[in-house]
C-alpha cells in the first residue's frame, strides 16, 4: 500500500477552484458567454501544472488523482466553526 499523499494547502485550493470552474463551464448553456470561464480554466490549469510541488519528474502521474480527491473532500468538508450536516 502506498503512503498517503500530503499536498500543500494552496495546491488543494487551486485544484478545488479548477474543479469548480470546470463544473460551472459544464453547466453553462450553449451561447451563454463562457469566455471568462474558459479563460479562468486555462489560467488555473497553467498554475496547477507549474506549481512547485510537481518539480519531481513523476509527481504528477503519482499524485494527480489523489490531488483531485483531496480537493473534492476538502471542499465538501465543513469549514472551521461550522457543524457537519
N, C-alpha and C. Protein backbone atom coordinates (compact mmCIF):
# COMPACT_ATOMS: atom_id res chain seq x y z
N UNK A 1 0.85 -1.19 0.00
CA UNK A 1 0.00 0.00 0.00
C UNK A 1 0.89 1.25 0.00
N UNK A 2 0.50 2.23 -0.80
CA UNK A 2 1.27 3.48 -0.89
C UNK A 2 1.01 4.36 0.31
N UNK A 3 2.01 5.12 0.71
CA UNK A 3 1.77 6.10 1.78
C UNK A 3 0.84 7.20 1.26
N UNK A 4 0.07 7.83 2.14
CA UNK A 4 -0.84 8.89 1.68
C UNK A 4 -0.05 10.10 1.18
N UNK A 5 -0.62 10.77 0.20
CA UNK A 5 -0.01 11.99 -0.33
C UNK A 5 -0.30 13.14 0.62
N UNK A 6 0.65 14.05 0.73
CA UNK A 6 0.47 15.26 1.52
C UNK A 6 0.68 16.44 0.60
N UNK A 7 -0.43 17.06 0.24
CA UNK A 7 -0.37 18.18 -0.68
C UNK A 7 -0.39 19.49 0.07
N UNK A 8 0.31 20.50 -0.43
CA UNK A 8 0.25 21.83 0.19
C UNK A 8 -1.18 22.38 0.08
N UNK A 9 -1.58 23.13 1.06
CA UNK A 9 -2.93 23.70 1.12
C UNK A 9 -3.24 24.54 -0.12
N UNK A 10 -2.26 25.31 -0.58
CA UNK A 10 -2.53 26.15 -1.75
C UNK A 10 -2.76 25.32 -3.01
N UNK A 11 -2.13 24.16 -3.10
CA UNK A 11 -2.35 23.29 -4.25
C UNK A 11 -3.74 22.67 -4.21
N UNK A 12 -4.19 22.27 -3.04
CA UNK A 12 -5.54 21.72 -2.90
C UNK A 12 -6.58 22.79 -3.22
N UNK A 13 -6.36 24.00 -2.75
CA UNK A 13 -7.28 25.10 -3.03
C UNK A 13 -7.32 25.41 -4.52
N UNK A 14 -6.17 25.39 -5.17
CA UNK A 14 -6.08 25.63 -6.60
C UNK A 14 -6.83 24.55 -7.38
N UNK A 15 -6.66 23.29 -6.99
CA UNK A 15 -7.37 22.20 -7.65
C UNK A 15 -8.87 22.33 -7.43
N UNK A 16 -9.28 22.72 -6.24
CA UNK A 16 -10.71 22.93 -5.97
C UNK A 16 -11.30 24.02 -6.84
N UNK A 17 -10.55 25.09 -7.03
CA UNK A 17 -11.00 26.18 -7.90
C UNK A 17 -11.12 25.71 -9.34
N UNK A 18 -10.18 24.87 -9.78
CA UNK A 18 -10.23 24.32 -11.14
C UNK A 18 -11.48 23.47 -11.31
N UNK A 19 -11.73 22.59 -10.34
CA UNK A 19 -12.90 21.70 -10.41
C UNK A 19 -14.20 22.50 -10.40
N UNK A 20 -14.28 23.55 -9.59
CA UNK A 20 -15.47 24.38 -9.53
C UNK A 20 -15.69 25.11 -10.86
N UNK A 21 -14.63 25.65 -11.41
CA UNK A 21 -14.73 26.36 -12.69
C UNK A 21 -15.15 25.40 -13.79
N UNK A 22 -14.58 24.21 -13.80
CA UNK A 22 -14.94 23.20 -14.80
C UNK A 22 -16.42 22.84 -14.69
N UNK A 23 -16.91 22.67 -13.46
CA UNK A 23 -18.32 22.34 -13.26
C UNK A 23 -19.23 23.47 -13.73
N UNK A 24 -18.84 24.71 -13.45
CA UNK A 24 -19.63 25.86 -13.91
C UNK A 24 -19.66 25.92 -15.43
N UNK A 25 -18.53 25.65 -16.06
CA UNK A 25 -18.47 25.66 -17.52
C UNK A 25 -19.32 24.54 -18.11
N UNK A 26 -19.31 23.39 -17.49
CA UNK A 26 -20.10 22.26 -17.97
C UNK A 26 -21.60 22.53 -17.85
N UNK A 27 -22.00 23.31 -16.86
CA UNK A 27 -23.42 23.60 -16.64
C UNK A 27 -23.93 24.79 -17.43
N UNK A 28 -23.03 25.56 -17.99
CA UNK A 28 -23.43 26.77 -18.72
C UNK A 28 -24.15 26.38 -20.01
N UNK A 29 -25.28 27.02 -20.29
CA UNK A 29 -25.98 26.71 -21.54
C UNK A 29 -25.18 27.21 -22.75
N UNK A 30 -25.45 26.58 -23.88
CA UNK A 30 -24.76 26.96 -25.11
C UNK A 30 -25.03 28.43 -25.42
N UNK A 31 -24.00 29.14 -25.82
CA UNK A 31 -24.14 30.55 -26.17
C UNK A 31 -24.31 31.46 -24.97
N UNK A 32 -23.92 30.98 -23.79
CA UNK A 32 -24.11 31.76 -22.57
C UNK A 32 -22.94 32.69 -22.28
N UNK A 33 -22.02 32.83 -23.20
CA UNK A 33 -20.88 33.71 -22.96
C UNK A 33 -19.92 33.10 -21.96
N UNK A 34 -19.31 31.99 -22.31
CA UNK A 34 -18.45 31.26 -21.40
C UNK A 34 -16.97 31.63 -21.51
N UNK A 35 -16.68 32.70 -22.21
CA UNK A 35 -15.28 33.09 -22.43
C UNK A 35 -14.54 33.29 -21.12
N UNK A 36 -15.14 33.96 -20.18
CA UNK A 36 -14.46 34.22 -18.90
C UNK A 36 -14.17 32.92 -18.16
N UNK A 37 -15.11 31.99 -18.18
CA UNK A 37 -14.89 30.70 -17.52
C UNK A 37 -13.79 29.91 -18.21
N UNK A 38 -13.79 29.91 -19.54
CA UNK A 38 -12.75 29.19 -20.29
C UNK A 38 -11.38 29.79 -20.02
N UNK A 39 -11.29 31.11 -19.98
CA UNK A 39 -10.01 31.76 -19.69
C UNK A 39 -9.54 31.45 -18.28
N UNK A 40 -10.47 31.45 -17.35
CA UNK A 40 -10.11 31.13 -15.96
C UNK A 40 -9.61 29.69 -15.86
N UNK A 41 -10.28 28.77 -16.56
CA UNK A 41 -9.87 27.38 -16.54
C UNK A 41 -8.47 27.20 -17.13
N UNK A 42 -8.17 27.92 -18.19
CA UNK A 42 -6.84 27.86 -18.79
C UNK A 42 -5.79 28.39 -17.82
N UNK A 43 -6.08 29.51 -17.18
CA UNK A 43 -5.13 30.09 -16.21
C UNK A 43 -4.91 29.15 -15.03
N UNK A 44 -6.00 28.58 -14.51
CA UNK A 44 -5.87 27.65 -13.39
C UNK A 44 -5.09 26.40 -13.79
N UNK A 45 -5.31 25.93 -15.01
CA UNK A 45 -4.57 24.76 -15.50
C UNK A 45 -3.07 25.05 -15.53
N UNK A 46 -2.71 26.22 -16.03
CA UNK A 46 -1.30 26.60 -16.05
C UNK A 46 -0.70 26.68 -14.67
N UNK A 47 -1.45 27.26 -13.74
CA UNK A 47 -0.97 27.38 -12.36
C UNK A 47 -0.82 26.00 -11.71
N UNK A 48 -1.76 25.10 -11.99
CA UNK A 48 -1.67 23.75 -11.45
C UNK A 48 -0.44 23.02 -11.97
N UNK A 49 -0.24 23.08 -13.26
CA UNK A 49 0.86 22.33 -13.88
C UNK A 49 2.24 22.87 -13.52
N UNK A 50 2.32 24.13 -13.21
CA UNK A 50 3.62 24.73 -12.89
C UNK A 50 3.85 24.92 -11.40
N UNK A 51 2.97 24.38 -10.57
CA UNK A 51 3.13 24.51 -9.11
C UNK A 51 4.44 23.82 -8.70
N UNK A 52 5.18 24.40 -7.78
CA UNK A 52 6.46 23.82 -7.36
C UNK A 52 6.36 22.39 -6.81
N UNK A 53 5.20 21.99 -6.34
CA UNK A 53 5.04 20.62 -5.82
C UNK A 53 5.38 19.57 -6.88
N UNK A 54 5.11 19.90 -8.14
CA UNK A 54 5.30 18.94 -9.22
C UNK A 54 6.73 18.94 -9.77
N UNK A 55 7.68 19.47 -9.05
CA UNK A 55 9.06 19.56 -9.53
C UNK A 55 9.67 18.18 -9.79
N UNK A 56 9.25 17.17 -9.03
CA UNK A 56 9.77 15.81 -9.27
C UNK A 56 9.22 15.30 -10.60
N UNK A 57 10.02 14.61 -11.38
CA UNK A 57 9.60 14.19 -12.72
C UNK A 57 8.34 13.34 -12.75
N UNK A 58 8.10 12.50 -11.76
CA UNK A 58 6.94 11.61 -11.78
C UNK A 58 5.84 12.05 -10.81
N UNK A 59 5.96 13.22 -10.25
CA UNK A 59 5.00 13.63 -9.22
C UNK A 59 3.57 13.73 -9.76
N UNK A 60 3.37 14.27 -10.96
CA UNK A 60 2.01 14.43 -11.47
C UNK A 60 1.35 13.08 -11.70
N UNK A 61 2.07 12.15 -12.30
CA UNK A 61 1.47 10.84 -12.54
C UNK A 61 1.14 10.15 -11.23
N UNK A 62 1.98 10.33 -10.25
CA UNK A 62 1.78 9.65 -8.98
C UNK A 62 0.69 10.30 -8.13
N UNK A 63 0.49 11.60 -8.26
CA UNK A 63 -0.40 12.26 -7.34
C UNK A 63 -1.58 13.00 -7.93
N UNK A 64 -1.74 13.01 -9.22
CA UNK A 64 -2.82 13.78 -9.84
C UNK A 64 -4.20 13.36 -9.38
N UNK A 65 -4.47 12.06 -9.38
CA UNK A 65 -5.78 11.57 -8.97
C UNK A 65 -6.00 11.85 -7.49
N UNK A 66 -4.97 11.62 -6.70
CA UNK A 66 -5.09 11.86 -5.26
C UNK A 66 -5.34 13.34 -4.96
N UNK A 67 -4.73 14.23 -5.75
CA UNK A 67 -4.97 15.66 -5.56
C UNK A 67 -6.43 16.00 -5.84
N UNK A 68 -6.98 15.45 -6.91
CA UNK A 68 -8.39 15.72 -7.22
C UNK A 68 -9.30 15.21 -6.11
N UNK A 69 -8.99 14.03 -5.57
CA UNK A 69 -9.77 13.50 -4.44
C UNK A 69 -9.65 14.40 -3.22
N UNK A 70 -8.43 14.84 -2.93
CA UNK A 70 -8.21 15.70 -1.76
C UNK A 70 -8.97 17.01 -1.91
N UNK A 71 -8.98 17.58 -3.12
CA UNK A 71 -9.69 18.84 -3.34
C UNK A 71 -11.19 18.62 -3.20
N UNK A 72 -11.69 17.49 -3.69
CA UNK A 72 -13.12 17.20 -3.59
C UNK A 72 -13.55 17.06 -2.13
N UNK A 73 -12.78 16.34 -1.33
CA UNK A 73 -13.14 16.16 0.07
C UNK A 73 -12.90 17.43 0.87
N UNK A 74 -11.92 18.21 0.45
CA UNK A 74 -11.62 19.47 1.13
C UNK A 74 -12.77 20.46 0.97
N UNK A 75 -13.35 20.52 -0.23
CA UNK A 75 -14.44 21.47 -0.47
C UNK A 75 -15.75 20.96 0.09
N UNK A 76 -15.90 19.64 0.31
CA UNK A 76 -17.15 19.14 0.84
C UNK A 76 -17.13 19.04 2.37
N UNK A 77 -15.97 19.20 2.96
CA UNK A 77 -15.86 19.16 4.43
C UNK A 77 -16.31 20.51 5.00
N UNK A 78 -16.94 20.49 6.19
CA UNK A 78 -17.36 21.75 6.79
C UNK A 78 -16.16 22.62 7.16
N UNK A 79 -16.32 23.90 7.02
CA UNK A 79 -15.26 24.84 7.39
C UNK A 79 -15.13 24.87 8.91
N UNK A 80 -14.00 25.40 9.36
CA UNK A 80 -13.80 25.52 10.81
C UNK A 80 -14.93 26.33 11.42
N UNK A 81 -15.50 25.79 12.49
CA UNK A 81 -16.57 26.51 13.18
C UNK A 81 -17.97 26.16 12.66
N UNK A 82 -18.05 25.41 11.57
CA UNK A 82 -19.35 25.01 11.04
C UNK A 82 -19.64 23.58 11.46
N UNK A 83 -20.91 23.30 11.70
CA UNK A 83 -21.31 21.96 12.07
C UNK A 83 -21.50 21.14 10.80
N UNK A 84 -21.21 19.85 10.90
CA UNK A 84 -21.42 18.97 9.75
C UNK A 84 -22.90 18.72 9.58
N UNK A 85 -23.36 18.64 8.34
CA UNK A 85 -24.79 18.43 8.08
C UNK A 85 -25.17 16.99 8.25
